[in-house]
Structures are given as C-alpha cells and as structure tokens.
Amino acid sequence: MARLGGAGDAADRLAELALGCDGALAPARAGLAAALADDDPGRLLQAADACQAVGADLLAAEAATAAAVAWRRAHAPRRASAMAHRAAAALARCEGARTPLLTTAQATEPLTAREQEIALFAAAGHTSKDIAEVLALSVRTVDNHLQRAYAKLGVTTRRELARTLRPVPPVPPVPPGASVRHACRPS
C-alpha cells in the first residue's frame, strides 16, 4: 500500500509492525514508508541507504527514484540526477523489475556523444588540456562539455565522475591463433 501511493496511511502501522520483527528488513521498509509519506528527499535517501544495506535493491531503487523526483521538485537538478543514477544502478540488479513507484521518475537527460567521450577521458584521469589536444578542441570547450556532463550525472568532481562512469577496463589482446569471432572490441 505504501509503495502504491498510500504511504501516509501505512507508515504508522508499518513502524508498529517493524518493532516486533527481527532483522533490518522490516525497519527499512517502515522507514521507506515514512519517507514516502513525508516526501522528504533527505529521508528518502536514508531509506534508500537502509534498503540497500539489507539487500533490498528494488526498494532502494524506489526510494532513490522518489528522492530524485522530490529533488527535481525542489529545483535541485544535480541532486535529482545523482539520485536517478543511483536508482538506475540499484534497478539494474533487479532483472527488469517495473513498479508503479519507479514509473513516477522522469528520465534524466542523457549525455551527448561528445559529452560522454570527454567525460570518459576525464574519468580516466586525463586533464582538460590533454583531452583538448587529442580531440582538437579548445580547453574551454572541453570544460563546458564536462560541466554539462557533471550536471546531467549529478556529480561535481572528476573523482565522482570516475565513480559514476566506472570506465570499462581494456579488452585483453586475443592470443595468436585464437578465434576472434566472439572477441569484443572497445568502442
């Protein structure tokens, strides 16, 4: 009921039930219901943390999604984007699950091809000057693309960018004589 829009009606009862339960799942679910009822992005973030801590990835995704929506309403797009990406990461562990609460989130704006290219270079540790030289752009253009990527991804530093993008390690070379039919190429 709480996850279908009736959090205000269910929060108190879930909190009461959680007191009589062993383990951390019931309190995490009760915390999610209370946070949904309050529609407070900070409490929703705490609920996402609690759900993730007990391995309830779907509940964590729902809490992060609700937090993203609340941050968006509060005109905090960077925080909203960060929560949306966190929700997507949790949801990726849920084998295609879809719930009504997840559909309330507005899609985050995707990176353009150029923003992604520059962000991946930056996440790998390259300076703006190095990126500019490789791509034949000005440093200012590189920095502008990075700032747009930061805003879309909800990050503020290159370290956060690297954690968010998690660059894929290079594909190991195929040994001589081995079949390359199934080998992957980095794009």
Foldseek 3Di string as FASTA:
>chain_A
DLLVPPLVVCLVVLCVVLVPDDDQPSVLVSQCSVCSNVLALVSLCVSLVSCVVVVNLQSNLLSLQSSLVSCVVVVNQLSSLQSNLVSVVSVVVVVPDDDPSNVVHDDQDDQDPVLVVLLLCLLVPDQLVVVCVVVVHDSVVSVVSPVVVSSSNSHDDSPVSNVSVVDDDAFDDDDPPDDCPPPDHDD
